Amino acid sequence: SDDYAALFEKIIREKPYQLHPEVEKTLAALSSSFQAPYSLYN
């Protein structure tokens, strides 16, 4: 897939830093909270 070649290569580079799926799910659920400092600043 030429469309996703760059994305697949990036996933390979970041593989060592990927966490357990459930941890990734939790971090994603908290993504709005992670934006709170920027919102508060503005």
Full PDB file with SEQRES, HELIX, SHEET, SSBOND, CRYST1, ORIGX, SCALE, CONECT and MASTER records, all heavy atoms in Angstrom:
SEQRES   1 A   42  SER ASP ASP TYR ALA ALA LEU PHE GLU LYS ILE ILE ARG          
SEQRES   2 A   42  GLU LYS PRO TYR GLN LEU HIS PRO GLU VAL GLU LYS THR          
SEQRES   3 A   42  LEU ALA ALA LEU SER SER SER PHE GLN ALA PRO TYR SER          
SEQRES   4 A   42  LEU TYR ASN                                                  
HELIX    1 AA1 ALA A    5  GLU A   14  1                                  10    
HELIX    2 AA2 LYS A   15  TYR A   17  5                                   3    
HELIX    3 AA3 PRO A   21  ALA A   29  1                                   9    
HELIX    4 AA4 SER A   31  PHE A   34  1                                   4    
HELIX    5 AA5 ALA A   36  TYR A   41  1                                   6    
CRYST1    1.000    1.000    1.000  90.00  90.00  90.00 P 1           1          
ORIGX1      1.000000  0.000000  0.000000        0.00000                         
ORIGX2      0.000000  1.000000  0.000000        0.00000                         
ORIGX3      0.000000  0.000000  1.000000        0.00000                         
SCALE1      1.000000  0.000000  0.000000        0.00000                         
SCALE2      0.000000  1.000000  0.000000        0.00000                         
SCALE3      0.000000  0.000000  1.000000        0.00000                         
ATOM      1  N   SER A   1       0.823  -1.214   0.000  1.00  0.00           N  
ATOM      2  CA  SER A   1       0.000   0.000   0.000  1.00  0.00           C  
ATOM      3  C   SER A   1       0.855   1.261   0.000  1.00  0.00           C  
ATOM      4  O   SER A   1       1.458   1.610   1.013  1.00  0.00           O  
ATOM      5  CB  SER A   1      -0.918   0.014   1.232  1.00  0.00           C  
ATOM      6  OG  SER A   1      -1.588   1.242   1.355  1.00  0.00           O  
ATOM      7  N   ASP A   2       0.880   1.948  -1.136  1.00  0.00           N  
ATOM      8  CA  ASP A   2       1.581   3.232  -1.191  1.00  0.00           C  
ATOM      9  C   ASP A   2       0.901   4.254  -0.285  1.00  0.00           C  
ATOM     10  O   ASP A   2       1.563   5.127   0.286  1.00  0.00           O  
ATOM     11  CB  ASP A   2       1.591   3.760  -2.631  1.00  0.00           C  
ATOM     12  CG  ASP A   2       2.526   2.957  -3.538  1.00  0.00           C  
ATOM     13  OD1 ASP A   2       3.441   2.317  -2.998  1.00  0.00           O  
ATOM     14  OD2 ASP A   2       2.330   2.973  -4.757  1.00  0.00           O  
ATOM     15  N   ASP A   3      -0.422   4.148  -0.165  1.00  0.00           N  
ATOM     16  CA  ASP A   3      -1.173   5.105   0.651  1.00  0.00           C  
ATOM     17  C   ASP A   3      -0.714   5.122   2.103  1.00  0.00           C  
ATOM     18  O   ASP A   3      -0.666   6.180   2.744  1.00  0.00           O  
ATOM     19  CB  ASP A   3      -2.674   4.766   0.620  1.00  0.00           C  
ATOM     20  CG  ASP A   3      -3.347   5.245  -0.656  1.00  0.00           C  
ATOM     21  OD1 ASP A   3      -2.708   6.013  -1.398  1.00  0.00           O  
ATOM     22  OD2 ASP A   3      -4.502   4.859  -0.906  1.00  0.00           O  
ATOM     23  N   TYR A   4      -0.392   3.945   2.621  1.00  0.00           N  
ATOM     24  CA  TYR A   4      -0.089   3.847   4.053  1.00  0.00           C  
ATOM     25  C   TYR A   4       1.363   3.487   4.347  1.00  0.00           C  
ATOM     26  O   TYR A   4       1.716   3.194   5.489  1.00  0.00           O  
ATOM     27  CB  TYR A   4      -1.017   2.808   4.705  1.00  0.00           C  
ATOM     28  CG  TYR A   4      -2.483   3.086   4.490  1.00  0.00           C  
ATOM     29  CD1 TYR A   4      -3.335   2.112   3.982  1.00  0.00           C  
ATOM     30  CD2 TYR A   4      -3.017   4.336   4.773  1.00  0.00           C  
ATOM     31  CE1 TYR A   4      -4.685   2.362   3.776  1.00  0.00           C  
ATOM     32  CE2 TYR A   4      -4.362   4.607   4.573  1.00  0.00           C  
ATOM     33  CZ  TYR A   4      -5.191   3.615   4.068  1.00  0.00           C  
ATOM     34  OH  TYR A   4      -6.527   3.887   3.862  1.00  0.00           O  
ATOM     35  N   ALA A   5       2.203   3.521   3.323  1.00  0.00           N  
ATOM     36  CA  ALA A   5       3.600   3.114   3.510  1.00  0.00           C  
ATOM     37  C   ALA A   5       4.284   3.946   4.589  1.00  0.00           C  
ATOM     38  O   ALA A   5       4.953   3.407   5.488  1.00  0.00           O  
ATOM     39  CB  ALA A   5       4.359   3.227   2.189  1.00  0.00           C  
ATOM     40  N   ALA A   6       4.114   5.263   4.536  1.00  0.00           N  
ATOM     41  CA  ALA A   6       4.760   6.136   5.525  1.00  0.00           C  
ATOM     42  C   ALA A   6       4.234   5.846   6.933  1.00  0.00           C  
ATOM     43  O   ALA A   6       4.990   5.867   7.910  1.00  0.00           O  
ATOM     44  CB  ALA A   6       4.523   7.602   5.178  1.00  0.00           C  
ATOM     45  N   LEU A   7       2.935   5.570   7.031  1.00  0.00           N  
ATOM     46  CA  LEU A   7       2.340   5.271   8.337  1.00  0.00           C  
ATOM     47  C   LEU A   7       2.883   3.951   8.893  1.00  0.00           C  
ATOM     48  O   LEU A   7       3.224   3.863  10.082  1.00  0.00           O  
ATOM     49  CB  LEU A   7       0.818   5.198   8.212  1.00  0.00           C  
ATOM     50  CG  LEU A   7       0.051   4.838   9.492  1.00  0.00           C  
ATOM     51  CD1 LEU A   7       0.318   5.857  10.584  1.00  0.00           C  
ATOM     52  CD2 LEU A   7      -1.449   4.743   9.206  1.00  0.00           C  
ATOM     53  N   PHE A   8       2.982   2.939   8.057  1.00  0.00           N  
ATOM     54  CA  PHE A   8       3.516   1.650   8.514  1.00  0.00           C  
ATOM     55  C   PHE A   8       4.971   1.789   8.965  1.00  0.00           C  
ATOM     56  O   PHE A   8       5.386   1.192   9.971  1.00  0.00           O  
ATOM     57  CB  PHE A   8       3.407   0.598   7.413  1.00  0.00           C  
ATOM     58  CG  PHE A   8       1.997   0.094   7.184  1.00  0.00           C  
ATOM     59  CD1 PHE A   8       1.442   0.063   5.918  1.00  0.00           C  
ATOM     60  CD2 PHE A   8       1.227  -0.352   8.254  1.00  0.00           C  
ATOM     61  CE1 PHE A   8       0.159  -0.389   5.707  1.00  0.00           C  
ATOM     62  CE2 PHE A   8      -0.064  -0.816   8.052  1.00  0.00           C  
ATOM     63  CZ  PHE A   8      -0.611  -0.832   6.769  1.00  0.00           C  
ATOM     64  N   GLU A   9       5.738   2.571   8.232  1.00  0.00           N  
ATOM     65  CA  GLU A   9       7.141   2.785   8.617  1.00  0.00           C  
ATOM     66  C   GLU A   9       7.237   3.519   9.959  1.00  0.00           C  
ATOM     67  O   GLU A   9       8.114   3.236  10.776  1.00  0.00           O  
ATOM     68  CB  GLU A   9       7.856   3.561   7.514  1.00  0.00           C  
ATOM     69  CG  GLU A   9       8.067   2.743   6.238  1.00  0.00           C  
ATOM     70  CD  GLU A   9       8.450   3.589   5.038  1.00  0.00           C  
ATOM     71  OE1 GLU A   9       8.700   4.803   5.237  1.00  0.00           O  
ATOM     72  OE2 GLU A   9       8.482   3.060   3.913  1.00  0.00           O  
ATOM     73  N   LYS A  10       6.326   4.461  10.176  1.00  0.00           N  
ATOM     74  CA  LYS A  10       6.303   5.181  11.452  1.00  0.00           C  
ATOM     75  C   LYS A  10       5.940   4.244  12.600  1.00  0.00           C  
ATOM     76  O   LYS A  10       6.518   4.321  13.691  1.00  0.00           O  
ATOM     77  CB  LYS A  10       5.291   6.331  11.384  1.00  0.00           C  
ATOM     78  CG  LYS A  10       5.258   7.179  12.642  1.00  0.00           C  
ATOM     79  CD  LYS A  10       4.297   8.352  12.489  1.00  0.00           C  
ATOM     80  CE  LYS A  10       4.297   9.196  13.751  1.00  0.00           C  
ATOM     81  NZ  LYS A  10       3.348  10.342  13.659  1.00  0.00           N  
ATOM     82  N   ILE A  11       5.000   3.344  12.359  1.00  0.00           N  
ATOM     83  CA  ILE A  11       4.608   2.377  13.393  1.00  0.00           C  
ATOM     84  C   ILE A  11       5.789   1.495  13.769  1.00  0.00           C  
ATOM     85  O   ILE A  11       6.004   1.193  14.955  1.00  0.00           O  
ATOM     86  CB  ILE A  11       3.419   1.523  12.898  1.00  0.00           C  
ATOM     87  CG1 ILE A  11       2.154   2.384  12.797  1.00  0.00           C  
ATOM     88  CG2 ILE A  11       3.165   0.337  13.840  1.00  0.00           C  
ATOM     89  CD1 ILE A  11       1.000   1.708  12.111  1.00  0.00           C  
ATOM     90  N   ILE A  12       6.581   1.118  12.760  1.00  0.00           N  
ATOM     91  CA  ILE A  12       7.777   0.310  13.041  1.00  0.00           C  
ATOM     92  C   ILE A  12       8.741   1.075  13.943  1.00  0.00           C  
ATOM     93  O   ILE A  12       9.276   0.524  14.912  1.00  0.00           O  
ATOM     94  CB  ILE A  12       8.467  -0.103  11.712  1.00  0.00           C  
ATOM     95  CG1 ILE A  12       7.589  -1.101  10.940  1.00  0.00           C  
ATOM     96  CG2 ILE A  12       9.836  -0.715  12.001  1.00  0.00           C  
ATOM     97  CD1 ILE A  12       8.094  -1.409   9.539  1.00  0.00           C  
ATOM     98  N   ARG A  13       8.940   2.367  13.645  1.00  0.00           N  
ATOM     99  CA  ARG A  13       9.861   3.189  14.455  1.00  0.00           C  
ATOM    100  C   ARG A  13       9.361   3.341  15.891  1.00  0.00           C  
ATOM    101  O   ARG A  13      10.157   3.382  16.837  1.00  0.00           O  
ATOM    102  CB  ARG A  13      10.032   4.578  13.829  1.00  0.00           C  
ATOM    103  CG  ARG A  13      10.828   4.615  12.553  1.00  0.00           C  
ATOM    104  CD  ARG A  13      11.287   6.026  12.221  1.00  0.00           C  
ATOM    105  NE  ARG A  13      10.189   6.974  12.111  1.00  0.00           N  
ATOM    106  CZ  ARG A  13       9.475   7.181  10.996  1.00  0.00           C  
ATOM    107  NH1 ARG A  13       9.752   6.477   9.910  1.00  0.00           N  
ATOM    108  NH2 ARG A  13       8.514   8.078  10.973  1.00  0.00           N  
ATOM    109  N   GLU A  14       8.047   3.446  16.056  1.00  0.00           N  
ATOM    110  CA  GLU A  14       7.481   3.709  17.383  1.00  0.00           C  
ATOM    111  C   GLU A  14       7.115   2.441  18.146  1.00  0.00           C  
ATOM    112  O   GLU A  14       6.655   2.517  19.279  1.00  0.00           O  
ATOM    113  CB  GLU A  14       6.246   4.606  17.245  1.00  0.00           C  
ATOM    114  CG  GLU A  14       6.577   5.991  16.710  1.00  0.00           C  
ATOM    115  CD  GLU A  14       5.366   6.902  16.613  1.00  0.00           C  
ATOM    116  OE1 GLU A  14       4.245   6.425  16.900  1.00  0.00           O  
ATOM    117  OE2 GLU A  14       5.532   8.082  16.244  1.00  0.00           O  
ATOM    118  N   LYS A  15       7.327   1.306  17.537  1.00  0.00           N  
ATOM    119  CA  LYS A  15       6.978   0.023  18.164  1.00  0.00           C  
ATOM    120  C   LYS A  15       7.519  -0.129  19.594  1.00  0.00           C  
ATOM    121  O   LYS A  15       6.796  -0.545  20.500  1.00  0.00           O  
ATOM    122  CB  LYS A  15       7.513  -1.122  17.290  1.00  0.00           C  
ATOM    123  CG  LYS A  15       6.470  -2.139  16.847  1.00  0.00           C  
ATOM    124  CD  LYS A  15       7.148  -3.197  15.974  1.00  0.00           C  
ATOM    125  CE  LYS A  15       6.199  -4.290  15.558  1.00  0.00           C  
ATOM    126  NZ  LYS A  15       5.609  -5.036  16.650  1.00  0.00           N  
ATOM    127  N   PRO A  16       8.798   0.238  19.818  1.00  0.00           N  
ATOM    128  CA  PRO A  16       9.348   0.038  21.166  1.00  0.00           C  
ATOM    129  C   PRO A  16       8.658   0.874  22.247  1.00  0.00           C  
ATOM    130  O   PRO A  16       8.810   0.585  23.436  1.00  0.00           O  
ATOM    131  CB  PRO A  16      10.819   0.468  21.008  1.00  0.00           C  
ATOM    132  CG  PRO A  16      11.104   0.383  19.552  1.00  0.00           C  
ATOM    133  CD  PRO A  16       9.826   0.730  18.881  1.00  0.00           C  
ATOM    134  N   TYR A  17       7.916   1.884  21.836  1.00  0.00           N  
ATOM    135  CA  TYR A  17       7.324   2.803  22.817  1.00  0.00           C  
ATOM    136  C   TYR A  17       5.809   2.628  22.960  1.00  0.00           C  
ATOM    137  O   TYR A  17       5.164   3.379  23.674  1.00  0.00           O  
ATOM    138  CB  TYR A  17       7.632   4.253  22.409  1.00  0.00           C  
ATOM    139  CG  TYR A  17       9.096   4.489  22.162  1.00  0.00           C  
ATOM    140  CD1 TYR A  17       9.610   4.601  20.878  1.00  0.00           C  
ATOM    141  CD2 TYR A  17       9.995   4.556  23.223  1.00  0.00           C  
ATOM    142  CE1 TYR A  17      10.965   4.796  20.649  1.00  0.00           C  
ATOM    143  CE2 TYR A  17      11.349   4.747  23.009  1.00  0.00           C  
ATOM    144  CZ  TYR A  17      11.834   4.861  21.721  1.00  0.00           C  
ATOM    145  OH  TYR A  17      13.177   5.052  21.504  1.00  0.00           O  
ATOM    146  N   GLN A  18       5.271   1.629  22.270  1.00  0.00           N  
ATOM    147  CA  GLN A  18       3.834   1.374  22.357  1.00  0.00           C  
ATOM    148  C   GLN A  18       3.531   0.616  23.646  1.00  0.00           C  
ATOM    149  O   GLN A  18       4.261  -0.298  24.040  1.00  0.00           O  
ATOM    150  CB  GLN A  18       3.368   0.557  21.144  1.00  0.00           C  
ATOM    151  CG  GLN A  18       1.871   0.453  20.987  1.00  0.00           C  
ATOM    152  CD  GLN A  18       1.233   1.717  20.440  1.00  0.00           C  
ATOM    153  OE1 GLN A  18       1.945   2.650  20.092  1.00  0.00           O  
ATOM    154  NE2 GLN A  18      -0.081   1.755  20.373  1.00  0.00           N  
ATOM    155  N   LEU A  19       2.441   0.980  24.314  1.00  0.00           N  
ATOM    156  CA  LEU A  19       2.057   0.356  25.579  1.00  0.00           C  
ATOM    157  C   LEU A  19       1.002  -0.723  25.358  1.00  0.00           C  
ATOM    158  O   LEU A  19       0.518  -0.916  24.238  1.00  0.00           O  
ATOM    159  CB  LEU A  19       1.530   1.426  26.545  1.00  0.00           C  
ATOM    160  CG  LEU A  19       2.520   2.563  26.848  1.00  0.00           C  
ATOM    161  CD1 LEU A  19       1.845   3.661  27.659  1.00  0.00           C  
ATOM    162  CD2 LEU A  19       3.738   2.031  27.591  1.00  0.00           C  
ATOM    163  N   HIS A  20       0.653  -1.420  26.431  1.00  0.00           N  
ATOM    164  CA  HIS A  20      -0.384  -2.452  26.362  1.00  0.00           C  
ATOM    165  C   HIS A  20      -1.670  -1.845  25.806  1.00  0.00           C  
ATOM    166  O   HIS A  20      -2.008  -0.690  26.123  1.00  0.00           O  
ATOM    167  CB  HIS A  20      -0.623  -3.029  27.765  1.00  0.00           C  
ATOM    168  CG  HIS A  20      -1.548  -4.202  27.783  1.00  0.00           C  
ATOM    169  ND1 HIS A  20      -2.920  -4.061  27.756  1.00  0.00           N  
ATOM    170  CD2 HIS A  20      -1.298  -5.538  27.831  1.00  0.00           C  
ATOM    171  CE1 HIS A  20      -3.481  -5.256  27.777  1.00  0.00           C  
ATOM    172  NE2 HIS A  20      -2.518  -6.168  27.826  1.00  0.00           N  
ATOM    173  N   PRO A  21      -2.423  -2.577  24.989  1.00  0.00           N  
ATOM    174  CA  PRO A  21      -3.650  -2.039  24.386  1.00  0.00           C  
ATOM    175  C   PRO A  21      -4.602  -1.378  25.376  1.00  0.00           C  
ATOM    176  O   PRO A  21      -5.204  -0.338  25.076  1.00  0.00           O  
ATOM    177  CB  PRO A  21      -4.281  -3.266  23.730  1.00  0.00           C  
ATOM    178  CG  PRO A  21      -3.120  -4.133  23.377  1.00  0.00           C  
ATOM    179  CD  PRO A  21      -2.130  -3.932  24.484  1.00  0.00           C  
ATOM    180  N   GLU A  22      -4.748  -1.969  26.567  1.00  0.00           N  
ATOM    181  CA  GLU A  22      -5.671  -1.381  27.543  1.00  0.00           C  
ATOM    182  C   GLU A  22      -5.142  -0.056  28.076  1.00  0.00           C  
ATOM    183  O   GLU A  22      -5.914   0.868  28.376  1.00  0.00           O  
ATOM    184  CB  GLU A  22      -5.917  -2.358  28.702  1.00  0.00           C  
ATOM    185  CG  GLU A  22      -6.800  -3.540  28.339  1.00  0.00           C  
ATOM    186  CD  GLU A  22      -8.159  -3.096  27.803  1.00  0.00           C  
ATOM    187  OE1 GLU A  22      -8.792  -2.217  28.425  1.00  0.00           O  
ATOM    188  OE2 GLU A  22      -8.574  -3.603  26.744  1.00  0.00           O  
ATOM    189  N   VAL A  23      -3.820   0.051  28.186  1.00  0.00           N  
ATOM    190  CA  VAL A  23      -3.228   1.319  28.624  1.00  0.00           C  
ATOM    191  C   VAL A  23      -3.407   2.373  27.539  1.00  0.00           C  
ATOM    192  O   VAL A  23      -3.752   3.533  27.823  1.00  0.00           O  
ATOM    193  CB  VAL A  23      -1.733   1.142  28.962  1.00  0.00           C  
ATOM    194  CG1 VAL A  23      -1.119   2.482  29.383  1.00  0.00           C  
ATOM    195  CG2 VAL A  23      -1.551   0.108  30.065  1.00  0.00           C  
ATOM    196  N   GLU A  24      -3.198   1.971  26.276  1.00  0.00           N  
ATOM    197  CA  GLU A  24      -3.393   2.900  25.169  1.00  0.00           C  
ATOM    198  C   GLU A  24      -4.846   3.373  25.124  1.00  0.00           C  
ATOM    199  O   GLU A  24      -5.126   4.544  24.863  1.00  0.00           O  
ATOM    200  CB  GLU A  24      -3.021   2.240  23.836  1.00  0.00           C  
ATOM    201  CG  GLU A  24      -1.544   1.931  23.670  1.00  0.00           C  
ATOM    202  CD  GLU A  24      -0.693   3.185  23.498  1.00  0.00           C  
ATOM    203  OE1 GLU A  24      -1.263   4.296  23.335  1.00  0.00           O  
ATOM    204  OE2 GLU A  24       0.546   3.073  23.535  1.00  0.00           O  
ATOM    205  N   LYS A  25      -5.767   2.477  25.399  1.00  0.00           N  
ATOM    206  CA  LYS A  25      -7.197   2.831  25.407  1.00  0.00           C  
ATOM    207  C   LYS A  25      -7.481   3.842  26.513  1.00  0.00           C  
ATOM    208  O   LYS A  25      -8.228   4.811  26.317  1.00  0.00           O  
ATOM    209  CB  LYS A  25      -8.034   1.570  25.611  1.00  0.00           C  
ATOM    210  CG  LYS A  25      -9.542   1.820  25.599  1.00  0.00           C  
ATOM    211  CD  LYS A  25     -10.312   0.515  25.760  1.00  0.00           C  
ATOM    212  CE  LYS A  25     -11.817   0.781  25.750  1.00  0.00           C  
ATOM    213  NZ  LYS A  25     -12.601  -0.481  25.912  1.00  0.00           N  
ATOM    214  N   THR A  26      -6.882   3.639  27.663  1.00  0.00           N  
ATOM    215  CA  THR A  26      -7.085   4.560  28.790  1.00  0.00           C  
ATOM    216  C   THR A  26      -6.507   5.935  28.476  1.00  0.00           C  
ATOM    217  O   THR A  26      -7.142   6.969  28.733  1.00  0.00           O  
ATOM    218  CB  THR A  26      -6.423   3.997  30.061  1.00  0.00           C  
ATOM    219  OG1 THR A  26      -6.993   2.716  30.350  1.00  0.00           O  
ATOM    220  CG2 THR A  26      -6.636   4.933  31.233  1.00  0.00           C  
ATOM    221  N   LEU A  27      -5.302   5.962  27.912  1.00  0.00           N  
ATOM    222  CA  LEU A  27      -4.688   7.235  27.560  1.00  0.00           C  
ATOM    223  C   LEU A  27      -5.524   7.982  26.521  1.00  0.00           C  
ATOM    224  O   LEU A  27      -5.681   9.211  26.585  1.00  0.00           O  
ATOM    225  CB  LEU A  27      -3.272   7.020  27.024  1.00  0.00           C  
ATOM    226  CG  LEU A  27      -2.219   6.578  28.047  1.00  0.00           C  
ATOM    227  CD1 LEU A  27      -0.899   6.273  27.352  1.00  0.00           C  
ATOM    228  CD2 LEU A  27      -2.016   7.643  29.122  1.00  0.00           C  
ATOM    229  N   ALA A  28      -6.074   7.240  25.567  1.00  0.00           N  
ATOM    230  CA  ALA A  28      -6.929   7.862  24.547  1.00  0.00           C  
ATOM    231  C   ALA A  28      -8.187   8.444  25.177  1.00  0.00           C  
ATOM    232  O   ALA A  28      -8.646   9.528  24.794  1.00  0.00           O  
ATOM    233  CB  ALA A  28      -7.289   6.840  23.470  1.00  0.00           C  
ATOM    234  N   ALA A  29      -8.747   7.727  26.152  1.00  0.00           N  
ATOM    235  CA  ALA A  29      -9.950   8.218  26.828  1.00  0.00           C  
ATOM    236  C   ALA A  29      -9.675   9.500  27.600  1.00  0.00           C  
ATOM    237  O   ALA A  29     -10.568  10.331  27.803  1.00  0.00           O  
ATOM    238  CB  ALA A  29     -10.485   7.150  27.777  1.00  0.00           C  
ATOM    239  N   LEU A  30      -8.429   9.676  28.017  1.00  0.00           N  
ATOM    240  CA  LEU A  30      -8.050  10.868  28.787  1.00  0.00           C  
ATOM    241  C   LEU A  30      -7.539  12.009  27.902  1.00  0.00           C  
ATOM    242  O   LEU A  30      -7.109  13.043  28.418  1.00  0.00           O  
ATOM    243  CB  LEU A  30      -6.959  10.504  29.801  1.00  0.00           C  
ATOM    244  CG  LEU A  30      -7.401   9.609  30.969  1.00  0.00           C  
ATOM    245  CD1 LEU A  30      -6.179   9.114  31.725  1.00  0.00           C  
ATOM    246  CD2 LEU A  30      -8.351  10.369  31.892  1.00  0.00           C  
ATOM    247  N   SER A  31      -7.600  11.845  26.582  1.00  0.00           N  
ATOM    248  CA  SER A  31      -7.012  12.832  25.672  1.00  0.00           C  
ATOM    249  C   SER A  31      -7.632  14.217  25.845  1.00  0.00           C  
ATOM    250  O   SER A  31      -6.935  15.239  25.743  1.00  0.00           O  
ATOM    251  CB  SER A  31      -7.152  12.382  24.214  1.00  0.00           C  
ATOM    252  OG  SER A  31      -8.520  12.181  23.881  1.00  0.00           O  
ATOM    253  N   SER A  32      -8.921  14.274  26.110  1.00  0.00           N  
ATOM    254  CA  SER A  32      -9.561  15.571  26.329  1.00  0.00           C  
ATOM    255  C   SER A  32      -9.002  16.239  27.585  1.00  0.00           C  
ATOM    256  O   SER A  32      -8.761  17.453  27.605  1.00  0.00           O  
ATOM    257  CB  SER A  32     -11.072  15.407  26.455  1.00  0.00           C  
ATOM    258  OG  SER A  32     -11.698  16.638  26.694  1.00  0.00           O  
ATOM    259  N   SER A  33      -8.777  15.443  28.625  1.00  0.00           N  
ATOM    260  CA  SER A  33      -8.207  15.987  29.862  1.00  0.00           C  
ATOM    261  C   SER A  33      -6.787  16.486  29.630  1.00  0.00           C  
ATOM    262  O   SER A  33      -6.359  17.484  30.228  1.00  0.00           O  
ATOM    263  CB  SER A  33      -8.203  14.912  30.959  1.00  0.00           C  
ATOM    264  OG  SER A  33      -9.519  14.494  31.248  1.00  0.00           O  
ATOM    265  N   PHE A  34      -6.039  15.804  28.761  1.00  0.00           N  
ATOM    266  CA  PHE A  34      -4.679  16.232  28.466  1.00  0.00           C  
ATOM    267  C   PHE A  34      -4.650  17.599  27.775  1.00  0.00           C  
ATOM    268  O   PHE A  34      -3.625  18.285  27.801  1.00  0.00           O  
ATOM    269  CB  PHE A  34      -3.969  15.207  27.579  1.00  0.00           C  
ATOM    270  CG  PHE A  34      -3.670  13.902  28.281  1.00  0.00           C  
ATOM    271  CD1 PHE A  34      -3.483  12.730  27.562  1.00  0.00           C  
ATOM    272  CD2 PHE A  34      -3.589  13.846  29.661  1.00  0.00           C  
ATOM    273  CE1 PHE A  34      -3.199  11.531  28.210  1.00  0.00           C  
ATOM    274  CE2 PHE A  34      -3.316  12.657  30.317  1.00  0.00           C  
ATOM    275  CZ  PHE A  34      -3.120  11.499  29.590  1.00  0.00           C  
ATOM    276  N   GLN A  35      -5.761  17.980  27.147  1.00  0.00           N  
ATOM    277  CA  GLN A  35      -5.841  19.286  26.489  1.00  0.00           C  
ATOM    278  C   GLN A  35      -6.277  20.386  27.449  1.00  0.00           C  
ATOM    279  O   GLN A  35      -6.301  21.567  27.084  1.00  0.00           O  
ATOM    280  CB  GLN A  35      -6.832  19.220  25.319  1.00  0.00           C  
ATOM    281  CG  GLN A  35      -6.379  18.365  24.159  1.00  0.00           C  
ATOM    282  CD  GLN A  35      -5.082  18.865  23.555  1.00  0.00           C  
ATOM    283  OE1 GLN A  35      -4.929  20.055  23.291  1.00  0.00           O  
ATOM    284  NE2 GLN A  35      -4.135  17.962  23.325  1.00  0.00           N  
ATOM    285  N   ALA A  36      -6.613  20.012  28.684  1.00  0.00           N  
ATOM    286  CA  ALA A  36      -7.144  20.981  29.644  1.00  0.00           C  
ATOM    287  C   ALA A  36      -6.189  22.145  29.929  1.00  0.00           C  
ATOM    288  O   ALA A  36      -6.636  23.299  29.997  1.00  0.00           O  
ATOM    289  CB  ALA A  36      -7.533  20.276  30.940  1.00  0.00           C  
ATOM    290  N   PRO A  37      -4.888  21.916  30.108  1.00  0.00           N  
ATOM    291  CA  PRO A  37      -4.002  23.064  30.359  1.00  0.00           C  
ATOM    292  C   PRO A  37      -4.032  24.106  29.243  1.00  0.00           C  
ATOM    293  O   PRO A  37      -4.054  25.312  29.523  1.00  0.00           O  
ATOM    294  CB  PRO A  37      -2.618  22.412  30.490  1.00  0.00           C  
ATOM    295  CG  PRO A  37      -2.905  21.034  30.970  1.00  0.00           C  
ATOM    296  CD  PRO A  37      -4.166  20.636  30.256  1.00  0.00           C  
ATOM    297  N   TYR A  38      -4.041  23.649  28.000  1.00  0.00           N  
ATOM    298  CA  TYR A  38      -4.088  24.593  26.870  1.00  0.00           C  
ATOM    299  C   TYR A  38      -5.395  25.375  26.880  1.00  0.00           C  
ATOM    300  O   TYR A  38      -5.417  26.597  26.661  1.00  0.00           O  
ATOM    301  CB  TYR A  38      -3.905  23.827  25.560  1.00  0.00           C  
ATOM    302  CG  TYR A  38      -3.868  24.697  24.324  1.00  0.00           C  
ATOM    303  CD1 TYR A  38      -3.242  25.940  24.339  1.00  0.00           C  
ATOM    304  CD2 TYR A  38      -4.441  24.275  23.123  1.00  0.00           C  
ATOM    305  CE1 TYR A  38      -3.194  26.739  23.195  1.00  0.00           C  
ATOM    306  CE2 TYR A  38      -4.393  25.060  21.982  1.00  0.00           C  
ATOM    307  CZ  TYR A  38      -3.780  26.288  22.028  1.00  0.00           C  
ATOM    308  OH  TYR A  38      -3.738  27.083  20.900  1.00  0.00           O  
ATOM    309  N   SER A  39      -6.508  24.689  27.141  1.00  0.00           N  
ATOM    310  CA  SER A  39      -7.804  25.366  27.201  1.00  0.00           C  
ATOM    311  C   SER A  39      -7.826  26.374  28.340  1.00  0.00           C  
ATOM    312  O   SER A  39      -8.344  27.494  28.196  1.00  0.00           O  
ATOM    313  CB  SER A  39      -8.933  24.343  27.384  1.00  0.00           C  
ATOM    314  OG  SER A  39      -9.004  23.458  26.296  1.00  0.00           O  
ATOM    315  N   LEU A  40      -7.265  25.986  29.476  1.00  0.00           N  
ATOM    316  CA  LEU A  40      -7.227  26.882  30.626  1.00  0.00           C  
ATOM    317  C   LEU A  40      -6.354  28.106  30.329  1.00  0.00           C  
ATOM    318  O   LEU A  40      -6.715  29.242  30.685  1.00  0.00           O  
ATOM    319  CB  LEU A  40      -6.698  26.137  31.855  1.00  0.00           C  
ATOM    320  CG  LEU A  40      -6.544  26.951  33.149  1.00  0.00           C  
ATOM    321  CD1 LEU A  40      -7.869  27.565  33.559  1.00  0.00           C  
ATOM    322  CD2 LEU A  40      -5.999  26.055  34.267  1.00  0.00           C  
ATOM    323  N   TYR A  41      -5.214  27.869  29.679  1.00  0.00           N  
ATOM    324  CA  TYR A  41      -4.341  28.979  29.297  1.00  0.00           C  
ATOM    325  C   TYR A  41      -5.089  29.985  28.426  1.00  0.00           C  
ATOM    326  O   TYR A  41      -5.055  31.200  28.668  1.00  0.00           O  
ATOM    327  CB  TYR A  41      -3.109  28.450  28.550  1.00  0.00           C  
ATOM    328  CG  TYR A  41      -2.313  29.543  27.864  1.00  0.00           C  
ATOM    329  CD1 TYR A  41      -1.431  30.339  28.585  1.00  0.00           C  
ATOM    330  CD2 TYR A  41      -2.467  29.793  26.501  1.00  0.00           C  
ATOM    331  CE1 TYR A  41      -0.717  31.362  27.965  1.00  0.00           C  
ATOM    332  CE2 TYR A  41      -1.758  30.808  25.872  1.00  0.00           C  
ATOM    333  CZ  TYR A  41      -0.890  31.589  26.606  1.00  0.00           C  
ATOM    334  OH  TYR A  41      -0.190  32.598  25.989  1.00  0.00           O  
ATOM    335  N   ASN A  42      -5.774  29.486  27.397  1.00  0.00           N  
ATOM    336  CA  ASN A  42      -6.507  30.370  26.493  1.00  0.00           C  
ATOM    337  C   ASN A  42      -7.632  31.117  27.192  1.00  0.00           C  
ATOM    338  O   ASN A  42      -7.881  32.291  26.926  1.00  0.00           O  
ATOM    339  CB  ASN A  42      -7.067  29.573  25.311  1.00  0.00           C  
ATOM    340  CG  ASN A  42      -6.056  29.397  24.201  1.00  0.00           C  
ATOM    341  OD1 ASN A  42      -5.213  30.263  23.971  1.00  0.00           O  
ATOM    342  ND2 ASN A  42      -6.110  28.274  23.505  1.00  0.00           N  
TER     343      ASN A  42                                                      
MASTER        0    0    0    5    0    0    0    6  342    1    0    4          
END                                                                             
